[in-house]
Amino acid sequence: MRVRLEYGRSGLDVELPDRNVVKCLGYQTQEPLADPAAAIRDALAHPIGTPPLAELARGRTSACVVVSDVTRPVPNAVLLPPILDTLQSSGIPRERILILVATGLHRPNLGDELAEMVGREIVDGYRIENHHGQNRDEHAHLGESPRGVPIWIDRRYVDAELKITTGLIEPHFMAGFSGGRKLVCPGLAALETIRAWHSPKFLEHPNARNGVLEDNPVHEENTWIARRTGCDFIVNTVIDERRQILSVVAGDMEAAFLEGVRFVRKLVRDTVPEPVDVVVTSSAGYPLDTTYYQSVKGMVAALEIVKPGGTIILAASMSEGIGSAAFQRLFDENATLDGFMDRILHTDYFVMDQWQLEELAKVRRKAKVKVVTDGLPPETLTRLFVESAPSVEAAVADSLAEYGRDATIAVIPKGPYVLAEVA
């Protein structure tokens, strides 16, 4: 069986033994929108749970339009023009519209990368700035959430008269689904907020996982924080495996988001009849697989369908290396995952980005991980608590030698974009 995994910008073709492959999991069939721009304009004029965007904008003197950073393939070049045109035709001058990149604690997006994200015309014609999560002076303090999370949100957003967020709804390994409230928290939150919201108190809850919103404290808390901060209007999209727009929802932050989630859940959920010995997967290609940090999401996406003691084989480009300096520091300071977990659970040890290592620890408690990448050498991967493999085929051959010639394999070419479950 020949399968193309999402890998970097070009993909990766692999050959897998037909007799062992139980299923290749992917999106359900759905036709892309014939006229995405028209669908967006219609969503702005007929939103869910709010007046039309033009009506909301009337009488306001400033607007902040929040966009995801480069790690999310949001079709901003299609999404933003109808929004910006509506704001201006409703009386908000162009110079009073700020496009704010919701980086969370990720690096800023600048230059050609920014043009790739939103389109050159928008870069040349509008004020675009990055959120800086580690600079608390740029944030307003809005009290504490019900579970005691200190709320520090980007002051530029807080001070805007009209607050709009855009984004992509897809499965998320902690918050259930991305989009909606996530553009505010963690997208525009300070380190102090993200540290508390991403602490073991939240992440170790059994419902803090892919596809789960009910009784998920990560989802509940950042929804409360976003409501406390204020969000007048959201515009969220759903895309297919070719990144074509399948749906647009707009309006109230919660009502429109939940409508989008209902659509997405039917689209991206796929199942196997029982757990398998081996899962071959990806981290969904560029831009999500550019670092090891982001590629952990691909491992977590396979967790529900792999047997205890099984193997996850991940192909990811990791073209930008491991991740932030803080994330790299975690591997220098923690010789084992058990030791790391003991420190974050029982001491005041904290390093930014530790939550991703915590997610990796969840994976490794259940399964082995073999990584195929051009971005990091084998000796580095070994230090990152995974095994290196020269190719997917070699990793599969090793796994069949370990589990037997009748070992079962499932394939998730798009990794974390698919909600893989046992039926």
Foldseek 3Di string as FASTA:
>chain_A
DWDWFAAAPPTDIDDDDPLFAQEAAWWDDFDFDPDLLVQLLVCQCPAPPAHRPLVLLAPFAAEEEEEEAFLAQAQQQSNPPSNLVSNVVNPHDQARYEYEYQQLQADDQDDPSVCVRHNPVPVVRHHYYYAHQAPQVQWDWLQAFPVGQTWTFGVVQLPGPAYEYEEEWFWDAFQQIDDQLVCGVSRGTHPSRVCVLLACVQRVPPQRGHNHHPPRSSNVGSVRSDVSSDHFKYWYFYAGLVRRTRHIHMGDSPPRNVVVSVVLCNTFEDEGQAAFQEEEHELQHPPQQLALLSGLQLLRLNQARHAFAGEYEYEYAVQVYHGDPQSVVVLVVDQDLVRVVCCSVPHVDDTPSVSSSVSVSVSVNGYAYEYAYPRDDQVVVVSSRHGYDPDPVRVVVVRCVVPHVNGHYYYHSRRRRHRYHHD
